[in-house]
Amino acid sequence: MNDSIISHYINGEEVLSYTKPQIGGGNVSMDKEKFQSLDGTPLKKGTISLQSESHPVEFRNIEILEL
């Protein structure tokens, strides 16, 4: 299944991996009631966000691979 393992790589090195992502966790800033009703639902699609912590950053050569 395409939703069971997600791995993040930086410069070819795996830095984070997790399995079976699902909606929930309590960190929802938008429409809290809507998302609370979906707690535990498997995450099948969504958007991709890039984040930096406190310093300006530029991203380049970002690849998304369907395995």
PDB file of N, CA and C in Angstrom:
ATOM      1  N   MET A   1       0.827  -1.187   0.000  1.00  0.00           N
ATOM      2  CA  MET A   1       0.000   0.000   0.000  1.00  0.00           C
ATOM      3  C   MET A   1       0.869   1.247   0.000  1.00  0.00           C
ATOM      4  N   ASN A   2       0.495   2.269  -0.761  1.00  0.00           N
ATOM      5  CA  ASN A   2       1.306   3.476  -0.874  1.00  0.00           C
ATOM      6  C   ASN A   2       1.315   4.328   0.377  1.00  0.00           C
ATOM      7  N   ASP A   3       0.448   4.081   1.327  1.00  0.00           N
ATOM      8  CA  ASP A   3       0.363   4.942   2.502  1.00  0.00           C
ATOM      9  C   ASP A   3       0.992   4.334   3.741  1.00  0.00           C
ATOM     10  N   SER A   4       1.689   3.220   3.618  1.00  0.00           N
ATOM     11  CA  SER A   4       2.128   2.535   4.821  1.00  0.00           C
ATOM     12  C   SER A   4       3.525   2.924   5.309  1.00  0.00           C
ATOM     13  N   ILE A   5       4.432   3.336   4.419  1.00  0.00           N
ATOM     14  CA  ILE A   5       5.770   3.734   4.847  1.00  0.00           C
ATOM     15  C   ILE A   5       6.134   5.054   4.173  1.00  0.00           C
ATOM     16  N   ILE A   6       6.580   6.025   4.968  1.00  0.00           N
ATOM     17  CA  ILE A   6       7.028   7.310   4.437  1.00  0.00           C
ATOM     18  C   ILE A   6       8.432   7.547   4.974  1.00  0.00           C
ATOM     19  N   SER A   7       9.359   7.850   4.073  1.00  0.00           N
ATOM     20  CA  SER A   7      10.744   8.116   4.461  1.00  0.00           C
ATOM     21  C   SER A   7      11.155   9.469   3.921  1.00  0.00           C
ATOM     22  N   HIS A   8      11.936  10.206   4.718  1.00  0.00           N
ATOM     23  CA  HIS A   8      12.466  11.505   4.327  1.00  0.00           C
ATOM     24  C   HIS A   8      13.982  11.377   4.205  1.00  0.00           C
ATOM     25  N   TYR A   9      14.515  11.875   3.093  1.00  0.00           N
ATOM     26  CA  TYR A   9      15.946  11.804   2.841  1.00  0.00           C
ATOM     27  C   TYR A   9      16.509  13.199   2.649  1.00  0.00           C
ATOM     28  N   ILE A  10      17.696  13.437   3.168  1.00  0.00           N
ATOM     29  CA  ILE A  10      18.446  14.654   2.923  1.00  0.00           C
ATOM     30  C   ILE A  10      19.818  14.238   2.417  1.00  0.00           C
ATOM     31  N   ASN A  11      20.164  14.728   1.242  1.00  0.00           N
ATOM     32  CA  ASN A  11      21.448  14.380   0.608  1.00  0.00           C
ATOM     33  C   ASN A  11      21.653  12.871   0.559  1.00  0.00           C
ATOM     34  N   GLY A  12      20.597  12.141   0.232  1.00  0.00           N
ATOM     35  CA  GLY A  12      20.687  10.695   0.083  1.00  0.00           C
ATOM     36  C   GLY A  12      20.672   9.910   1.379  1.00  0.00           C
ATOM     37  N   GLU A  13      20.602  10.583   2.515  1.00  0.00           N
ATOM     38  CA  GLU A  13      20.602   9.892   3.810  1.00  0.00           C
ATOM     39  C   GLU A  13      19.220   9.966   4.445  1.00  0.00           C
ATOM     40  N   GLU A  14      18.696   8.830   4.862  1.00  0.00           N
ATOM     41  CA  GLU A  14      17.385   8.809   5.506  1.00  0.00           C
ATOM     42  C   GLU A  14      17.462   9.489   6.869  1.00  0.00           C
ATOM     43  N   VAL A  15      16.606  10.490   7.076  1.00  0.00           N
ATOM     44  CA  VAL A  15      16.618  11.232   8.335  1.00  0.00           C
ATOM     45  C   VAL A  15      15.348  11.010   9.148  1.00  0.00           C
ATOM     46  N   LEU A  16      14.301  10.483   8.519  1.00  0.00           N
ATOM     47  CA  LEU A  16      13.045  10.257   9.218  1.00  0.00           C
ATOM     48  C   LEU A  16      12.234   9.225   8.453  1.00  0.00           C
ATOM     49  N   SER A  17      11.607   8.316   9.174  1.00  0.00           N
ATOM     50  CA  SER A  17      10.752   7.309   8.556  1.00  0.00           C
ATOM     51  C   SER A  17       9.606   6.994   9.503  1.00  0.00           C
ATOM     52  N   TYR A  18       8.402   6.844   8.962  1.00  0.00           N
ATOM     53  CA  TYR A  18       7.262   6.490   9.796  1.00  0.00           C
ATOM     54  C   TYR A  18       6.269   5.679   8.978  1.00  0.00           C
ATOM     55  N   THR A  19       5.371   5.003   9.671  1.00  0.00           N
ATOM     56  CA  THR A  19       4.419   4.121   8.997  1.00  0.00           C
ATOM     57  C   THR A  19       2.982   4.502   9.328  1.00  0.00           C
ATOM     58  N   LYS A  20       2.101   4.168   8.432  1.00  0.00           N
ATOM     59  CA  LYS A  20       0.654   4.324   8.585  1.00  0.00           C
ATOM     60  C   LYS A  20       0.248   5.686   9.155  1.00  0.00           C
ATOM     61  N   PRO A  21       0.539   6.786   8.431  1.00  0.00           N
ATOM     62  CA  PRO A  21       0.144   8.112   8.934  1.00  0.00           C
ATOM     63  C   PRO A  21      -1.373   8.232   9.024  1.00  0.00           C
ATOM     64  N   GLN A  22      -1.830   8.948  10.010  1.00  0.00           N
ATOM     65  CA  GLN A  22      -3.267   9.124  10.207  1.00  0.00           C
ATOM     66  C   GLN A  22      -3.565  10.536  10.681  1.00  0.00           C
ATOM     67  N   ILE A  23      -4.800  10.957  10.487  1.00  0.00           N
ATOM     68  CA  ILE A  23      -5.240  12.266  10.935  1.00  0.00           C
ATOM     69  C   ILE A  23      -5.343  12.249  12.451  1.00  0.00           C
ATOM     70  N   GLY A  24      -4.889  13.316  13.087  1.00  0.00           N
ATOM     71  CA  GLY A  24      -5.006  13.412  14.539  1.00  0.00           C
ATOM     72  C   GLY A  24      -3.730  13.920  15.166  1.00  0.00           C
ATOM     73  N   GLY A  25      -3.731  13.976  16.458  1.00  0.00           N
ATOM     74  CA  GLY A  25      -2.555  14.418  17.187  1.00  0.00           C
ATOM     75  C   GLY A  25      -2.748  15.728  17.922  1.00  0.00           C
ATOM     76  N   GLY A  26      -3.844  16.429  17.633  1.00  0.00           N
ATOM     77  CA  GLY A  26      -4.156  17.632  18.388  1.00  0.00           C
ATOM     78  C   GLY A  26      -3.489  18.906  17.942  1.00  0.00           C
ATOM     79  N   ASN A  27      -2.690  18.896  16.893  1.00  0.00           N
ATOM     80  CA  ASN A  27      -2.013  20.112  16.440  1.00  0.00           C
ATOM     81  C   ASN A  27      -2.661  20.692  15.194  1.00  0.00           C
ATOM     82  N   VAL A  28      -3.960  20.838  15.211  1.00  0.00           N
ATOM     83  CA  VAL A  28      -4.686  21.351  14.057  1.00  0.00           C
ATOM     84  C   VAL A  28      -5.059  22.806  14.316  1.00  0.00           C
ATOM     85  N   SER A  29      -4.606  23.696  13.431  1.00  0.00           N
ATOM     86  CA  SER A  29      -4.905  25.116  13.623  1.00  0.00           C
ATOM     87  C   SER A  29      -6.146  25.548  12.848  1.00  0.00           C
ATOM     88  N   MET A  30      -6.542  24.784  11.833  1.00  0.00           N
ATOM     89  CA  MET A  30      -7.704  25.142  11.026  1.00  0.00           C
ATOM     90  C   MET A  30      -8.885  24.242  11.386  1.00  0.00           C
ATOM     91  N   ASP A  31     -10.058  24.781  11.441  1.00  0.00           N
ATOM     92  CA  ASP A  31     -11.320  24.040  11.601  1.00  0.00           C
ATOM     93  C   ASP A  31     -11.175  22.817  12.505  1.00  0.00           C
ATOM     94  N   LYS A  32     -10.865  23.065  13.754  1.00  0.00           N
ATOM     95  CA  LYS A  32     -10.553  22.014  14.730  1.00  0.00           C
ATOM     96  C   LYS A  32     -11.647  20.946  14.830  1.00  0.00           C
ATOM     97  N   GLU A  33     -12.906  21.362  14.857  1.00  0.00           N
ATOM     98  CA  GLU A  33     -14.001  20.386  14.990  1.00  0.00           C
ATOM     99  C   GLU A  33     -14.061  19.436  13.802  1.00  0.00           C
ATOM    100  N   LYS A  34     -13.844  19.949  12.602  1.00  0.00           N
ATOM    101  CA  LYS A  34     -13.866  19.106  11.400  1.00  0.00           C
ATOM    102  C   LYS A  34     -12.800  18.017  11.487  1.00  0.00           C
ATOM    103  N   PHE A  35     -11.597  18.388  11.878  1.00  0.00           N
ATOM    104  CA  PHE A  35     -10.504  17.427  11.917  1.00  0.00           C
ATOM    105  C   PHE A  35     -10.596  16.483  13.116  1.00  0.00           C
ATOM    106  N   GLN A  36     -11.156  16.925  14.234  1.00  0.00           N
ATOM    107  CA  GLN A  36     -11.319  16.031  15.382  1.00  0.00           C
ATOM    108  C   GLN A  36     -12.239  14.876  15.037  1.00  0.00           C
ATOM    109  N   SER A  37     -13.242  15.141  14.202  1.00  0.00           N
ATOM    110  CA  SER A  37     -14.162  14.066  13.819  1.00  0.00           C
ATOM    111  C   SER A  37     -13.482  13.036  12.928  1.00  0.00           C
ATOM    112  N   LEU A  38     -12.326  13.382  12.361  1.00  0.00           N
ATOM    113  CA  LEU A  38     -11.591  12.470  11.481  1.00  0.00           C
ATOM    114  C   LEU A  38     -10.415  11.789  12.179  1.00  0.00           C
ATOM    115  N   ASP A  39     -10.233  12.028  13.477  1.00  0.00           N
ATOM    116  CA  ASP A  39      -9.114  11.425  14.211  1.00  0.00           C
ATOM    117  C   ASP A  39      -9.013   9.930  13.933  1.00  0.00           C
ATOM    118  N   GLY A  40      -7.804   9.477  13.630  1.00  0.00           N
ATOM    119  CA  GLY A  40      -7.560   8.061  13.396  1.00  0.00           C
ATOM    120  C   GLY A  40      -7.769   7.621  11.962  1.00  0.00           C
ATOM    121  N   THR A  41      -8.302   8.487  11.106  1.00  0.00           N
ATOM    122  CA  THR A  41      -8.518   8.144   9.699  1.00  0.00           C
ATOM    123  C   THR A  41      -7.171   8.070   8.985  1.00  0.00           C
ATOM    124  N   PRO A  42      -6.917   6.994   8.224  1.00  0.00           N
ATOM    125  CA  PRO A  42      -5.644   6.916   7.490  1.00  0.00           C
ATOM    126  C   PRO A  42      -5.487   8.094   6.534  1.00  0.00           C
ATOM    127  N   LEU A  43      -4.282   8.633   6.464  1.00  0.00           N
ATOM    128  CA  LEU A  43      -3.976   9.758   5.602  1.00  0.00           C
ATOM    129  C   LEU A  43      -3.605   9.216   4.225  1.00  0.00           C
ATOM    130  N   LYS A  44      -4.415   9.514   3.212  1.00  0.00           N
ATOM    131  CA  LYS A  44      -4.217   8.977   1.865  1.00  0.00           C
ATOM    132  C   LYS A  44      -3.711  10.027   0.879  1.00  0.00           C
ATOM    133  N   LYS A  45      -3.960  11.323   1.161  1.00  0.00           N
ATOM    134  CA  LYS A  45      -3.523  12.376   0.252  1.00  0.00           C
ATOM    135  C   LYS A  45      -3.382  13.658   1.046  1.00  0.00           C
ATOM    136  N   GLY A  46      -2.796  14.667   0.432  1.00  0.00           N
ATOM    137  CA  GLY A  46      -2.636  15.945   1.105  1.00  0.00           C
ATOM    138  C   GLY A  46      -1.638  16.819   0.387  1.00  0.00           C
ATOM    139  N   THR A  47      -1.172  17.833   1.064  1.00  0.00           N
ATOM    140  CA  THR A  47      -0.204  18.753   0.487  1.00  0.00           C
ATOM    141  C   THR A  47       1.167  18.519   1.104  1.00  0.00           C
ATOM    142  N   ILE A  48       2.156  19.066   0.467  1.00  0.00           N
ATOM    143  CA  ILE A  48       3.517  18.973   0.971  1.00  0.00           C
ATOM    144  C   ILE A  48       3.942  20.365   1.403  1.00  0.00           C
ATOM    145  N   SER A  49       4.498  20.478   2.583  1.00  0.00           N
ATOM    146  CA  SER A  49       4.964  21.764   3.109  1.00  0.00           C
ATOM    147  C   SER A  49       6.440  21.665   3.445  1.00  0.00           C
ATOM    148  N   LEU A  50       7.140  22.754   3.252  1.00  0.00           N
ATOM    149  CA  LEU A  50       8.551  22.837   3.626  1.00  0.00           C
ATOM    150  C   LEU A  50       8.664  23.846   4.747  1.00  0.00           C
ATOM    151  N   GLN A  51       9.518  23.573   5.713  1.00  0.00           N
ATOM    152  CA  GLN A  51       9.599  24.398   6.908  1.00  0.00           C
ATOM    153  C   GLN A  51      11.049  24.631   7.299  1.00  0.00           C
ATOM    154  N   SER A  52      11.304  25.816   7.827  1.00  0.00           N
ATOM    155  CA  SER A  52      12.614  26.088   8.420  1.00  0.00           C
ATOM    156  C   SER A  52      12.380  26.608   9.826  1.00  0.00           C
ATOM    157  N   GLU A  53      13.379  26.530  10.648  1.00  0.00           N
ATOM    158  CA  GLU A  53      13.263  26.975  12.036  1.00  0.00           C
ATOM    159  C   GLU A  53      14.098  28.220  12.268  1.00  0.00           C
ATOM    160  N   SER A  54      13.486  29.365  12.334  1.00  0.00           N
ATOM    161  CA  SER A  54      14.032  30.657  12.758  1.00  0.00           C
ATOM    162  C   SER A  54      15.018  31.344  11.813  1.00  0.00           C
ATOM    163  N   HIS A  55      15.554  30.686  10.822  1.00  0.00           N
ATOM    164  CA  HIS A  55      16.515  31.312   9.927  1.00  0.00           C
ATOM    165  C   HIS A  55      16.015  31.231   8.492  1.00  0.00           C
ATOM    166  N   PRO A  56      16.323  32.230   7.671  1.00  0.00           N
ATOM    167  CA  PRO A  56      15.948  32.148   6.258  1.00  0.00           C
ATOM    168  C   PRO A  56      16.593  30.920   5.614  1.00  0.00           C
ATOM    169  N   VAL A  57      15.885  30.306   4.718  1.00  0.00           N
ATOM    170  CA  VAL A  57      16.398  29.111   4.067  1.00  0.00           C
ATOM    171  C   VAL A  57      15.891  29.081   2.628  1.00  0.00           C
ATOM    172  N   GLU A  58      16.652  28.487   1.750  1.00  0.00           N
ATOM    173  CA  GLU A  58      16.245  28.302   0.371  1.00  0.00           C
ATOM    174  C   GLU A  58      16.256  26.811   0.076  1.00  0.00           C
ATOM    175  N   PHE A  59      15.251  26.349  -0.639  1.00  0.00           N
ATOM    176  CA  PHE A  59      15.156  24.941  -1.001  1.00  0.00           C
ATOM    177  C   PHE A  59      15.432  24.816  -2.498  1.00  0.00           C
ATOM    178  N   ARG A  60      16.080  23.746  -2.902  1.00  0.00           N
ATOM    179  CA  ARG A  60      16.285  23.491  -4.309  1.00  0.00           C
ATOM    180  C   ARG A  60      16.383  21.988  -4.541  1.00  0.00           C
ATOM    181  N   ASN A  61      16.153  21.581  -5.745  1.00  0.00           N
ATOM    182  CA  ASN A  61      16.268  20.176  -6.146  1.00  0.00           C
ATOM    183  C   ASN A  61      15.420  19.266  -5.262  1.00  0.00           C
ATOM    184  N   ILE A  62      14.200  19.639  -5.038  1.00  0.00           N
ATOM    185  CA  ILE A  62      13.282  18.813  -4.244  1.00  0.00           C
ATOM    186  C   ILE A  62      12.639  17.795  -5.170  1.00  0.00           C
ATOM    187  N   GLU A  63      12.688  16.545  -4.787  1.00  0.00           N
ATOM    188  CA  GLU A  63      12.114  15.483  -5.602  1.00  0.00           C
ATOM    189  C   GLU A  63      11.090  14.707  -4.796  1.00  0.00           C
ATOM    190  N   ILE A  64      10.019  14.348  -5.461  1.00  0.00           N
ATOM    191  CA  ILE A  64       9.003  13.489  -4.859  1.00  0.00           C
ATOM    192  C   ILE A  64       8.950  12.242  -5.725  1.00  0.00           C
ATOM    193  N   LEU A  65       9.233  11.127  -5.113  1.00  0.00           N
ATOM    194  CA  LEU A  65       9.281   9.860  -5.844  1.00  0.00           C
ATOM    195  C   LEU A  65       8.135   8.961  -5.421  1.00  0.00           C
ATOM    196  N   GLU A  66       7.416   8.440  -6.383  1.00  0.00           N
ATOM    197  CA  GLU A  66       6.405   7.438  -6.082  1.00  0.00           C
ATOM    198  C   GLU A  66       7.062   6.079  -6.217  1.00  0.00           C
ATOM    199  N   LEU A  67       7.084   5.353  -5.151  1.00  0.00           N
ATOM    200  CA  LEU A  67       7.761   4.050  -5.146  1.00  0.00           C
ATOM    201  C   LEU A  67       6.785   2.917  -5.342  1.00  0.00           C
TER     202      LEU A  67
END
